PDB file of N, CA and C in Angstrom:
ATOM      1  N   UNK A   1     -17.728  13.252  26.041  1.00  0.00           N
ATOM      2  CA  UNK A   1     -17.397  12.010  25.370  1.00  0.00           C
ATOM      3  C   UNK A   1     -17.197  12.279  23.878  1.00  0.00           C
ATOM      4  N   UNK A   2     -16.176  11.714  23.291  1.00  0.00           N
ATOM      5  CA  UNK A   2     -15.831  11.928  21.899  1.00  0.00           C
ATOM      6  C   UNK A   2     -16.608  10.956  21.012  1.00  0.00           C
ATOM      7  N   UNK A   3     -17.185  11.488  19.917  1.00  0.00           N
ATOM      8  CA  UNK A   3     -17.952  10.676  18.978  1.00  0.00           C
ATOM      9  C   UNK A   3     -17.039   9.759  18.175  1.00  0.00           C
ATOM     10  N   UNK A   4     -17.671   8.783  17.508  1.00  0.00           N
ATOM     11  CA  UNK A   4     -16.964   7.881  16.604  1.00  0.00           C
ATOM     12  C   UNK A   4     -17.599   7.976  15.229  1.00  0.00           C
ATOM     13  N   UNK A   5     -16.776   8.050  14.194  1.00  0.00           N
ATOM     14  CA  UNK A   5     -17.257   8.096  12.817  1.00  0.00           C
ATOM     15  C   UNK A   5     -17.559   6.670  12.377  1.00  0.00           C
ATOM     16  N   UNK A   6     -18.823   6.378  12.045  1.00  0.00           N
ATOM     17  CA  UNK A   6     -19.234   5.021  11.695  1.00  0.00           C
ATOM     18  C   UNK A   6     -19.871   4.913  10.315  1.00  0.00           C
ATOM     19  N   UNK A   7     -19.676   5.888   9.451  1.00  0.00           N
ATOM     20  CA  UNK A   7     -20.257   5.839   8.115  1.00  0.00           C
ATOM     21  C   UNK A   7     -19.324   5.060   7.187  1.00  0.00           C
ATOM     22  N   UNK A   8     -19.893   4.433   6.176  1.00  0.00           N
ATOM     23  CA  UNK A   8     -19.063   3.714   5.210  1.00  0.00           C
ATOM     24  C   UNK A   8     -18.438   4.698   4.236  1.00  0.00           C
ATOM     25  N   UNK A   9     -17.218   4.371   3.805  1.00  0.00           N
ATOM     26  CA  UNK A   9     -16.489   5.252   2.890  1.00  0.00           C
ATOM     27  C   UNK A   9     -15.843   4.430   1.795  1.00  0.00           C
ATOM     28  N   UNK A  10     -15.545   5.094   0.695  1.00  0.00           N
ATOM     29  CA  UNK A  10     -14.808   4.474  -0.396  1.00  0.00           C
ATOM     30  C   UNK A  10     -13.337   4.411   0.010  1.00  0.00           C
ATOM     31  N   UNK A  11     -12.722   3.237  -0.148  1.00  0.00           N
ATOM     32  CA  UNK A  11     -11.345   3.073   0.301  1.00  0.00           C
ATOM     33  C   UNK A  11     -10.315   3.123  -0.818  1.00  0.00           C
ATOM     34  N   UNK A  12     -10.635   3.742  -1.924  1.00  0.00           N
ATOM     35  CA  UNK A  12      -9.606   4.049  -2.924  1.00  0.00           C
ATOM     36  C   UNK A  12      -9.196   5.494  -2.665  1.00  0.00           C
ATOM     37  N   UNK A  13      -8.719   5.720  -1.452  1.00  0.00           N
ATOM     38  CA  UNK A  13      -8.506   7.074  -0.954  1.00  0.00           C
ATOM     39  C   UNK A  13      -7.035   7.334  -0.671  1.00  0.00           C
ATOM     40  N   UNK A  14      -6.569   8.533  -0.945  1.00  0.00           N
ATOM     41  CA  UNK A  14      -5.167   8.841  -0.654  1.00  0.00           C
ATOM     42  C   UNK A  14      -4.953   9.263   0.804  1.00  0.00           C
ATOM     43  N   UNK A  15      -3.858   8.818   1.340  1.00  0.00           N
ATOM     44  CA  UNK A  15      -3.395   9.275   2.661  1.00  0.00           C
ATOM     45  C   UNK A  15      -2.267  10.267   2.413  1.00  0.00           C
ATOM     46  N   UNK A  16      -2.272  11.360   3.144  1.00  0.00           N
ATOM     47  CA  UNK A  16      -1.193  12.339   3.051  1.00  0.00           C
ATOM     48  C   UNK A  16      -0.507  12.410   4.407  1.00  0.00           C
ATOM     49  N   UNK A  17       0.799  12.260   4.413  1.00  0.00           N
ATOM     50  CA  UNK A  17       1.599  12.367   5.636  1.00  0.00           C
ATOM     51  C   UNK A  17       2.335  13.699   5.596  1.00  0.00           C
ATOM     52  N   UNK A  18       2.178  14.484   6.654  1.00  0.00           N
ATOM     53  CA  UNK A  18       2.872  15.776   6.749  1.00  0.00           C
ATOM     54  C   UNK A  18       3.849  15.712   7.922  1.00  0.00           C
ATOM     55  N   UNK A  19       5.045  16.180   7.684  1.00  0.00           N
ATOM     56  CA  UNK A  19       6.072  16.240   8.726  1.00  0.00           C
ATOM     57  C   UNK A  19       6.413  17.695   8.994  1.00  0.00           C
ATOM     58  N   UNK A  20       6.391  18.068  10.253  1.00  0.00           N
ATOM     59  CA  UNK A  20       6.741  19.428  10.646  1.00  0.00           C
ATOM     60  C   UNK A  20       8.226  19.422  11.009  1.00  0.00           C
ATOM     61  N   UNK A  21       9.035  19.974  10.123  1.00  0.00           N
ATOM     62  CA  UNK A  21      10.479  19.975  10.360  1.00  0.00           C
ATOM     63  C   UNK A  21      11.029  21.391  10.281  1.00  0.00           C
ATOM     64  N   UNK A  22      12.159  21.561  10.916  1.00  0.00           N
ATOM     65  CA  UNK A  22      12.924  22.803  10.813  1.00  0.00           C
ATOM     66  C   UNK A  22      14.232  22.457  10.128  1.00  0.00           C
ATOM     67  N   UNK A  23      14.672  23.351   9.271  1.00  0.00           N
ATOM     68  CA  UNK A  23      15.930  23.074   8.586  1.00  0.00           C
ATOM     69  C   UNK A  23      16.754  24.342   8.447  1.00  0.00           C
ATOM     70  N   UNK A  24      18.041  24.127   8.346  1.00  0.00           N
ATOM     71  CA  UNK A  24      18.980  25.227   8.126  1.00  0.00           C
ATOM     72  C   UNK A  24      19.951  24.785   7.037  1.00  0.00           C
ATOM     73  N   UNK A  25      20.010  25.553   5.963  1.00  0.00           N
ATOM     74  CA  UNK A  25      20.907  25.247   4.854  1.00  0.00           C
ATOM     75  C   UNK A  25      22.173  26.092   4.993  1.00  0.00           C
ATOM     76  N   UNK A  26      23.318  25.431   4.916  1.00  0.00           N
ATOM     77  CA  UNK A  26      24.588  26.124   5.047  1.00  0.00           C
ATOM     78  C   UNK A  26      25.252  26.253   3.676  1.00  0.00           C
ATOM     79  N   UNK A  27      26.168  27.196   3.550  1.00  0.00           N
ATOM     80  CA  UNK A  27      26.804  27.507   2.275  1.00  0.00           C
ATOM     81  C   UNK A  27      27.601  26.373   1.667  1.00  0.00           C
ATOM     82  N   UNK A  28      28.097  25.446   2.489  1.00  0.00           N
ATOM     83  CA  UNK A  28      28.916  24.366   1.952  1.00  0.00           C
ATOM     84  C   UNK A  28      28.083  23.163   1.505  1.00  0.00           C
ATOM     85  N   UNK A  29      26.748  23.325   1.463  1.00  0.00           N
ATOM     86  CA  UNK A  29      25.883  22.229   1.023  1.00  0.00           C
ATOM     87  C   UNK A  29      25.305  21.407   2.162  1.00  0.00           C
ATOM     88  N   UNK A  30      25.819  21.603   3.370  1.00  0.00           N
ATOM     89  CA  UNK A  30      25.300  20.856   4.523  1.00  0.00           C
ATOM     90  C   UNK A  30      23.932  21.412   4.906  1.00  0.00           C
ATOM     91  N   UNK A  31      23.014  20.520   5.202  1.00  0.00           N
ATOM     92  CA  UNK A  31      21.674  20.916   5.621  1.00  0.00           C
ATOM     93  C   UNK A  31      21.351  20.194   6.920  1.00  0.00           C
ATOM     94  N   UNK A  32      20.989  20.968   7.926  1.00  0.00           N
ATOM     95  CA  UNK A  32      20.642  20.410   9.231  1.00  0.00           C
ATOM     96  C   UNK A  32      19.111  20.361   9.333  1.00  0.00           C
ATOM     97  N   UNK A  33      18.565  19.197   9.723  1.00  0.00           N
ATOM     98  CA  UNK A  33      17.119  18.994   9.797  1.00  0.00           C
ATOM     99  C   UNK A  33      16.763  18.415  11.160  1.00  0.00           C
ATOM    100  N   UNK A  34      15.664  18.925  11.744  1.00  0.00           N
ATOM    101  CA  UNK A  34      15.174  18.395  13.026  1.00  0.00           C
ATOM    102  C   UNK A  34      13.654  18.440  13.022  1.00  0.00           C
ATOM    103  N   UNK A  35      13.035  17.446  13.648  1.00  0.00           N
ATOM    104  CA  UNK A  35      11.582  17.430  13.800  1.00  0.00           C
ATOM    105  C   UNK A  35      11.185  18.534  14.770  1.00  0.00           C
ATOM    106  N   UNK A  36       9.996  19.111  14.555  1.00  0.00           N
ATOM    107  CA  UNK A  36       9.553  20.245  15.349  1.00  0.00           C
ATOM    108  C   UNK A  36       8.253  19.901  16.070  1.00  0.00           C
ATOM    109  N   UNK A  37       8.237  20.117  17.377  1.00  0.00           N
ATOM    110  CA  UNK A  37       7.010  19.941  18.152  1.00  0.00           C
ATOM    111  C   UNK A  37       6.851  18.566  18.768  1.00  0.00           C
ATOM    112  N   UNK A  38       5.787  18.427  19.562  1.00  0.00           N
ATOM    113  CA  UNK A  38       5.496  17.169  20.251  1.00  0.00           C
ATOM    114  C   UNK A  38       4.969  16.124  19.278  1.00  0.00           C
ATOM    115  N   UNK A  39       4.153  16.550  18.317  1.00  0.00           N
ATOM    116  CA  UNK A  39       3.573  15.657  17.310  1.00  0.00           C
ATOM    117  C   UNK A  39       4.002  16.141  15.924  1.00  0.00           C
ATOM    118  N   UNK A  40       5.234  15.831  15.526  1.00  0.00           N
ATOM    119  CA  UNK A  40       5.746  16.400  14.281  1.00  0.00           C
ATOM    120  C   UNK A  40       5.173  15.759  13.011  1.00  0.00           C
ATOM    121  N   UNK A  41       4.564  14.587  13.124  1.00  0.00           N
ATOM    122  CA  UNK A  41       4.008  13.902  11.966  1.00  0.00           C
ATOM    123  C   UNK A  41       2.507  13.795  12.115  1.00  0.00           C
ATOM    124  N   UNK A  42       1.779  14.169  11.077  1.00  0.00           N
ATOM    125  CA  UNK A  42       0.320  14.047  11.092  1.00  0.00           C
ATOM    126  C   UNK A  42      -0.146  13.513   9.744  1.00  0.00           C
ATOM    127  N   UNK A  43      -1.360  13.005   9.730  1.00  0.00           N
ATOM    128  CA  UNK A  43      -1.906  12.432   8.503  1.00  0.00           C
ATOM    129  C   UNK A  43      -3.244  13.060   8.174  1.00  0.00           C
ATOM    130  N   UNK A  44      -3.597  13.007   6.907  1.00  0.00           N
ATOM    131  CA  UNK A  44      -4.929  13.426   6.474  1.00  0.00           C
ATOM    132  C   UNK A  44      -5.411  12.439   5.422  1.00  0.00           C
ATOM    133  N   UNK A  45      -6.729  12.329   5.320  1.00  0.00           N
ATOM    134  CA  UNK A  45      -7.359  11.376   4.405  1.00  0.00           C
ATOM    135  C   UNK A  45      -8.444  12.064   3.604  1.00  0.00           C
ATOM    136  N   UNK A  46      -8.437  11.889   2.294  1.00  0.00           N
ATOM    137  CA  UNK A  46      -9.518  12.349   1.424  1.00  0.00           C
ATOM    138  C   UNK A  46     -10.488  11.182   1.264  1.00  0.00           C
ATOM    139  N   UNK A  47     -11.748  11.385   1.661  1.00  0.00           N
ATOM    140  CA  UNK A  47     -12.730  10.306   1.693  1.00  0.00           C
ATOM    141  C   UNK A  47     -13.948  10.627   0.842  1.00  0.00           C
ATOM    142  N   UNK A  48     -14.658   9.574   0.449  1.00  0.00           N
ATOM    143  CA  UNK A  48     -15.906   9.699  -0.292  1.00  0.00           C
ATOM    144  C   UNK A  48     -16.948   8.778   0.323  1.00  0.00           C
ATOM    145  N   UNK A  49     -18.194   9.216   0.291  1.00  0.00           N
ATOM    146  CA  UNK A  49     -19.321   8.402   0.732  1.00  0.00           C
ATOM    147  C   UNK A  49     -20.416   8.526  -0.319  1.00  0.00           C
ATOM    148  N   UNK A  50     -20.964   7.392  -0.733  1.00  0.00           N
ATOM    149  CA  UNK A  50     -22.097   7.352  -1.655  1.00  0.00           C
ATOM    150  C   UNK A  50     -23.280   6.793  -0.892  1.00  0.00           C
ATOM    151  N   UNK A  51     -24.365   7.556  -0.807  1.00  0.00           N
ATOM    152  CA  UNK A  51     -25.505   7.093  -0.017  1.00  0.00           C
ATOM    153  C   UNK A  51     -26.792   7.769  -0.468  1.00  0.00           C
ATOM    154  N   UNK A  52     -27.888   7.192  -0.011  1.00  0.00           N
ATOM    155  CA  UNK A  52     -29.188   7.805  -0.254  1.00  0.00           C
ATOM    156  C   UNK A  52     -29.350   9.018   0.648  1.00  0.00           C
ATOM    157  N   UNK A  53     -30.286   9.862   0.317  1.00  0.00           N
ATOM    158  CA  UNK A  53     -30.397  11.189   0.914  1.00  0.00           C
ATOM    159  C   UNK A  53     -30.528  11.167   2.441  1.00  0.00           C
ATOM    160  N   UNK A  54     -31.226  10.179   3.018  1.00  0.00           N
ATOM    161  CA  UNK A  54     -31.402  10.147   4.477  1.00  0.00           C
ATOM    162  C   UNK A  54     -30.058   9.966   5.186  1.00  0.00           C
ATOM    163  N   UNK A  55     -29.252   9.008   4.710  1.00  0.00           N
ATOM    164  CA  UNK A  55     -27.935   8.801   5.326  1.00  0.00           C
ATOM    165  C   UNK A  55     -27.003   9.960   5.003  1.00  0.00           C
ATOM    166  N   UNK A  56     -27.097  10.501   3.797  1.00  0.00           N
ATOM    167  CA  UNK A  56     -26.255  11.641   3.403  1.00  0.00           C
ATOM    168  C   UNK A  56     -26.511  12.846   4.298  1.00  0.00           C
ATOM    169  N   UNK A  57     -27.761  13.050   4.700  1.00  0.00           N
ATOM    170  CA  UNK A  57     -28.078  14.146   5.632  1.00  0.00           C
ATOM    171  C   UNK A  57     -27.424  13.921   6.992  1.00  0.00           C
ATOM    172  N   UNK A  58     -27.492  12.681   7.503  1.00  0.00           N
ATOM    173  CA  UNK A  58     -26.847  12.374   8.793  1.00  0.00           C
ATOM    174  C   UNK A  58     -25.333  12.572   8.706  1.00  0.00           C
ATOM    175  N   UNK A  59     -24.741  12.118   7.589  1.00  0.00           N
ATOM    176  CA  UNK A  59     -23.300  12.300   7.380  1.00  0.00           C
ATOM    177  C   UNK A  59     -22.955  13.785   7.333  1.00  0.00           C
ATOM    178  N   UNK A  60     -23.720  14.556   6.575  1.00  0.00           N
ATOM    179  CA  UNK A  60     -23.482  16.001   6.454  1.00  0.00           C
ATOM    180  C   UNK A  60     -23.534  16.676   7.817  1.00  0.00           C
ATOM    181  N   UNK A  61     -24.535  16.340   8.628  1.00  0.00           N
ATOM    182  CA  UNK A  61     -24.651  16.908   9.973  1.00  0.00           C
ATOM    183  C   UNK A  61     -23.434  16.547  10.832  1.00  0.00           C
ATOM    184  N   UNK A  62     -22.995  15.274  10.751  1.00  0.00           N
ATOM    185  CA  UNK A  62     -21.818  14.832  11.509  1.00  0.00           C
ATOM    186  C   UNK A  62     -20.592  15.630  11.078  1.00  0.00           C
ATOM    187  N   UNK A  63     -20.374  15.743   9.778  1.00  0.00           N
ATOM    188  CA  UNK A  63     -19.191  16.442   9.265  1.00  0.00           C
ATOM    189  C   UNK A  63     -19.170  17.911   9.680  1.00  0.00           C
ATOM    190  N   UNK A  64     -20.296  18.579   9.540  1.00  0.00           N
ATOM    191  CA  UNK A  64     -20.369  19.993   9.908  1.00  0.00           C
ATOM    192  C   UNK A  64     -20.094  20.188  11.394  1.00  0.00           C
ATOM    193  N   UNK A  65     -20.589  19.272  12.220  1.00  0.00           N
ATOM    194  CA  UNK A  65     -20.414  19.420  13.668  1.00  0.00           C
ATOM    195  C   UNK A  65     -19.022  19.014  14.154  1.00  0.00           C
ATOM    196  N   UNK A  66     -18.172  18.471  13.262  1.00  0.00           N
ATOM    197  CA  UNK A  66     -16.842  18.029  13.679  1.00  0.00           C
ATOM    198  C   UNK A  66     -15.713  18.744  12.942  1.00  0.00           C
ATOM    199  N   UNK A  67     -15.954  19.972  12.526  1.00  0.00           N
ATOM    200  CA  UNK A  67     -14.879  20.781  11.954  1.00  0.00           C
ATOM    201  C   UNK A  67     -13.959  21.282  13.065  1.00  0.00           C
ATOM    202  N   UNK A  68     -14.529  21.634  14.208  1.00  0.00           N
ATOM    203  CA  UNK A  68     -13.738  22.144  15.328  1.00  0.00           C
ATOM    204  C   UNK A  68     -13.695  21.174  16.504  1.00  0.00           C
ATOM    205  N   UNK A  69     -14.395  20.050  16.393  1.00  0.00           N
ATOM    206  CA  UNK A  69     -14.449  19.055  17.467  1.00  0.00           C
ATOM    207  C   UNK A  69     -13.933  17.725  16.926  1.00  0.00           C
ATOM    208  N   UNK A  70     -13.043  17.075  17.639  1.00  0.00           N
ATOM    209  CA  UNK A  70     -12.462  15.825  17.154  1.00  0.00           C
ATOM    210  C   UNK A  70     -13.402  14.643  17.391  1.00  0.00           C
ATOM    211  N   UNK A  71     -13.106  13.556  16.696  1.00  0.00           N
ATOM    212  CA  UNK A  71     -13.867  12.312  16.793  1.00  0.00           C
ATOM    213  C   UNK A  71     -12.911  11.153  16.533  1.00  0.00           C
ATOM    214  N   UNK A  72     -13.341   9.950  16.908  1.00  0.00           N
ATOM    215  CA  UNK A  72     -12.550   8.755  16.666  1.00  0.00           C
ATOM    216  C   UNK A  72     -12.898   8.184  15.297  1.00  0.00           C
ATOM    217  N   UNK A  73     -11.871   7.678  14.586  1.00  0.00           N
ATOM    218  CA  UNK A  73     -12.084   6.980  13.324  1.00  0.00           C
ATOM    219  C   UNK A  73     -10.995   5.935  13.177  1.00  0.00           C
ATOM    220  N   UNK A  74     -11.369   4.754  12.691  1.00  0.00           N
ATOM    221  CA  UNK A  74     -10.395   3.704  12.406  1.00  0.00           C
ATOM    222  C   UNK A  74     -10.015   3.849  10.933  1.00  0.00           C
ATOM    223  N   UNK A  75      -8.780   4.244  10.682  1.00  0.00           N
ATOM    224  CA  UNK A  75      -8.326   4.476   9.309  1.00  0.00           C
ATOM    225  C   UNK A  75      -8.097   3.142   8.583  1.00  0.00           C
ATOM    226  N   UNK A  76      -7.849   3.160   7.273  1.00  0.00           N
ATOM    227  CA  UNK A  76      -7.645   1.909   6.537  1.00  0.00           C
ATOM    228  C   UNK A  76      -6.477   1.049   7.020  1.00  0.00           C
ATOM    229  N   UNK A  77      -5.553   1.631   7.768  1.00  0.00           N
ATOM    230  CA  UNK A  77      -4.460   0.852   8.366  1.00  0.00           C
ATOM    231  C   UNK A  77      -4.930   0.085   9.597  1.00  0.00           C
ATOM    232  N   UNK A  78      -6.157   0.345  10.053  1.00  0.00           N
ATOM    233  CA  UNK A  78      -6.688  -0.302  11.252  1.00  0.00           C
ATOM    234  C   UNK A  78      -6.337   0.434  12.530  1.00  0.00           C
ATOM    235  N   UNK A  79      -5.865   1.670  12.417  1.00  0.00           N
ATOM    236  CA  UNK A  79      -5.454   2.467  13.575  1.00  0.00           C
ATOM    237  C   UNK A  79      -6.603   3.382  14.017  1.00  0.00           C
ATOM    238  N   UNK A  80      -6.979   3.299  15.273  1.00  0.00           N
ATOM    239  CA  UNK A  80      -8.022   4.173  15.814  1.00  0.00           C
ATOM    240  C   UNK A  80      -7.350   5.432  16.342  1.00  0.00           C
ATOM    241  N   UNK A  81      -7.671   6.569  15.687  1.00  0.00           N
ATOM    242  CA  UNK A  81      -7.052   7.839  16.046  1.00  0.00           C
ATOM    243  C   UNK A  81      -8.103   8.936  16.069  1.00  0.00           C
ATOM    244  N   UNK A  82      -7.714  10.077  16.642  1.00  0.00           N
ATOM    245  CA  UNK A  82      -8.577  11.255  16.638  1.00  0.00           C
ATOM    246  C   UNK A  82      -8.387  12.039  15.343  1.00  0.00           C
ATOM    247  N   UNK A  83      -9.508  12.546  14.799  1.00  0.00           N
ATOM    248  CA  UNK A  83      -9.482  13.354  13.580  1.00  0.00           C
ATOM    249  C   UNK A  83     -10.463  14.502  13.722  1.00  0.00           C
ATOM    250  N   UNK A  84     -10.314  15.483  12.835  1.00  0.00           N
ATOM    251  CA  UNK A  84     -11.289  16.563  12.642  1.00  0.00           C
ATOM    252  C   UNK A  84     -11.546  16.672  11.148  1.00  0.00           C
ATOM    253  N   UNK A  85     -12.689  17.242  10.776  1.00  0.00           N
ATOM    254  CA  UNK A  85     -12.994  17.476   9.369  1.00  0.00           C
ATOM    255  C   UNK A  85     -12.279  18.755   8.942  1.00  0.00           C
ATOM    256  N   UNK A  86     -11.545  18.684   7.862  1.00  0.00           N
ATOM    257  CA  UNK A  86     -10.816  19.858   7.360  1.00  0.00           C
ATOM    258  C   UNK A  86     -11.822  20.927   6.935  1.00  0.00           C
ATOM    259  N   UNK A  87     -11.560  22.127   7.360  1.00  0.00           N
ATOM    260  CA  UNK A  87     -12.410  23.257   7.016  1.00  0.00           C
ATOM    261  C   UNK A  87     -12.518  23.404   5.497  1.00  0.00           C
ATOM    262  N   UNK A  88     -13.697  23.656   5.002  1.00  0.00           N
ATOM    263  CA  UNK A  88     -13.982  23.853   3.572  1.00  0.00           C
ATOM    264  C   UNK A  88     -13.724  22.625   2.705  1.00  0.00           C
ATOM    265  N   UNK A  89     -13.730  21.425   3.283  1.00  0.00           N
ATOM    266  CA  UNK A  89     -13.479  20.231   2.473  1.00  0.00           C
ATOM    267  C   UNK A  89     -14.748  19.448   2.145  1.00  0.00           C
ATOM    268  N   UNK A  90     -15.878  19.802   2.719  1.00  0.00           N
ATOM    269  CA  UNK A  90     -17.116  19.047   2.505  1.00  0.00           C
ATOM    270  C   UNK A  90     -17.736  19.467   1.173  1.00  0.00           C
ATOM    271  N   UNK A  91     -17.901  18.477   0.291  1.00  0.00           N
ATOM    272  CA  UNK A  91     -18.492  18.732  -1.026  1.00  0.00           C
ATOM    273  C   UNK A  91     -19.526  17.643  -1.311  1.00  0.00           C
ATOM    274  N   UNK A  92     -20.703  18.042  -1.796  1.00  0.00           N
ATOM    275  CA  UNK A  92     -21.734  17.070  -2.142  1.00  0.00           C
ATOM    276  C   UNK A  92     -22.083  17.192  -3.616  1.00  0.00           C
ATOM    277  N   UNK A  93     -22.350  16.036  -4.222  1.00  0.00           N
ATOM    278  CA  UNK A  93     -22.785  15.966  -5.616  1.00  0.00           C
ATOM    279  C   UNK A  93     -24.055  15.130  -5.659  1.00  0.00           C
ATOM    280  N   UNK A  94     -25.115  15.713  -6.183  1.00  0.00           N
ATOM    281  CA  UNK A  94     -26.385  15.001  -6.302  1.00  0.00           C
ATOM    282  C   UNK A  94     -26.388  14.234  -7.626  1.00  0.00           C
ATOM    283  N   UNK A  95     -26.338  12.909  -7.542  1.00  0.00           N
ATOM    284  CA  UNK A  95     -26.356  12.085  -8.743  1.00  0.00           C
ATOM    285  C   UNK A  95     -27.764  12.017  -9.317  1.00  0.00           C
ATOM    286  N   UNK A  96     -28.742  12.060  -8.452  1.00  0.00           N
ATOM    287  CA  UNK A  96     -30.151  12.261  -8.804  1.00  0.00           C
ATOM    288  C   UNK A  96     -30.811  12.830  -7.559  1.00  0.00           C
ATOM    289  N   UNK A  97     -32.121  12.879  -7.490  1.00  0.00           N
ATOM    290  CA  UNK A  97     -32.749  13.533  -6.330  1.00  0.00           C
ATOM    291  C   UNK A  97     -32.723  12.679  -5.069  1.00  0.00           C
ATOM    292  N   UNK A  98     -32.207  11.448  -5.132  1.00  0.00           N
ATOM    293  CA  UNK A  98     -32.170  10.594  -3.949  1.00  0.00           C
ATOM    294  C   UNK A  98     -30.787  10.035  -3.619  1.00  0.00           C
ATOM    295  N   UNK A  99     -29.829  10.071  -4.545  1.00  0.00           N
ATOM    296  CA  UNK A  99     -28.517   9.454  -4.326  1.00  0.00           C
ATOM    297  C   UNK A  99     -27.431  10.522  -4.404  1.00  0.00           C
ATOM    298  N   UNK A 100     -26.558  10.550  -3.384  1.00  0.00           N
ATOM    299  CA  UNK A 100     -25.613  11.654  -3.218  1.00  0.00           C
ATOM    300  C   UNK A 100     -24.200  11.122  -2.969  1.00  0.00           C
ATOM    301  N   UNK A 101     -23.228  11.777  -3.564  1.00  0.00           N
ATOM    302  CA  UNK A 101     -21.822  11.520  -3.257  1.00  0.00           C
ATOM    303  C   UNK A 101     -21.313  12.683  -2.419  1.00  0.00           C
ATOM    304  N   UNK A 102     -20.710  12.358  -1.282  1.00  0.00           N
ATOM    305  CA  UNK A 102     -20.135  13.368  -0.402  1.00  0.00           C
ATOM    306  C   UNK A 102     -18.634  13.118  -0.309  1.00  0.00           C
ATOM    307  N   UNK A 103     -17.838  14.140  -0.540  1.00  0.00           N
ATOM    308  CA  UNK A 103     -16.385  14.034  -0.366  1.00  0.00           C
ATOM    309  C   UNK A 103     -15.961  15.002   0.732  1.00  0.00           C
ATOM    310  N   UNK A 104     -14.928  14.610   1.470  1.00  0.00           N
ATOM    311  CA  UNK A 104     -14.466  15.388   2.609  1.00  0.00           C
ATOM    312  C   UNK A 104     -13.071  14.925   2.983  1.00  0.00           C
ATOM    313  N   UNK A 105     -12.399  15.694   3.839  1.00  0.00           N
ATOM    314  CA  UNK A 105     -11.043  15.370   4.268  1.00  0.00           C
ATOM    315  C   UNK A 105     -10.985  15.327   5.787  1.00  0.00           C
ATOM    316  N   UNK A 106     -10.351  14.274   6.306  1.00  0.00           N
ATOM    317  CA  UNK A 106     -10.081  14.163   7.737  1.00  0.00           C
ATOM    318  C   UNK A 106      -8.630  14.552   7.981  1.00  0.00           C
ATOM    319  N   UNK A 107      -8.408  15.382   9.012  1.00  0.00           N
ATOM    320  CA  UNK A 107      -7.055  15.722   9.446  1.00  0.00           C
ATOM    321  C   UNK A 107      -6.857  15.169  10.848  1.00  0.00           C
ATOM    322  N   UNK A 108      -5.716  14.572  11.087  1.00  0.00           N
ATOM    323  CA  UNK A 108      -5.437  13.997  12.396  1.00  0.00           C
ATOM    324  C   UNK A 108      -5.457  15.084  13.467  1.00  0.00           C
ATOM    325  N   UNK A 109      -6.075  14.755  14.598  1.00  0.00           N
ATOM    326  CA  UNK A 109      -6.115  15.661  15.748  1.00  0.00           C
ATOM    327  C   UNK A 109      -5.337  14.990  16.885  1.00  0.00           C
ATOM    328  N   UNK A 110      -4.873  15.791  17.823  1.00  0.00           N
ATOM    329  CA  UNK A 110      -4.093  15.244  18.921  1.00  0.00           C
ATOM    330  C   UNK A 110      -4.718  15.518  20.273  1.00  0.00           C
ATOM    331  N   UNK A 111      -5.909  16.117  20.273  1.00  0.00           N
ATOM    332  CA  UNK A 111      -6.643  16.385  21.510  1.00  0.00           C
ATOM    333  C   UNK A 111      -8.118  16.433  21.189  1.00  0.00           C
ATOM    334  N   UNK A 112      -8.964  16.059  22.155  1.00  0.00           N
ATOM    335  CA  UNK A 112     -10.409  16.125  21.919  1.00  0.00           C
ATOM    336  C   UNK A 112     -10.843  17.553  21.787  1.00  0.00           C
TER     337      UNK A 112
END
């Protein structure tokens, strides 16, 4: 069974749309472009969470365990999709000994 991400996040966050395309440029200026693959468009989200240390620990554990395993998340558009945590994107900042800011990136996944 696939987990669901239920932590609160800051929604002043950028969405990045990536398109996987193939192109061929010809000498006369003509350029031929075609989408590549079954899922040629994917999205990623840079997110932040501000929480006290107990919740920050639970969030950290969730993020670490979902780098290679997908989970469900409802993005700010209201779309429920599968995502994974981008490798090397988890960063924590201790504002004091009890309050922590965690930043991370979700990348769209297409299989559990």
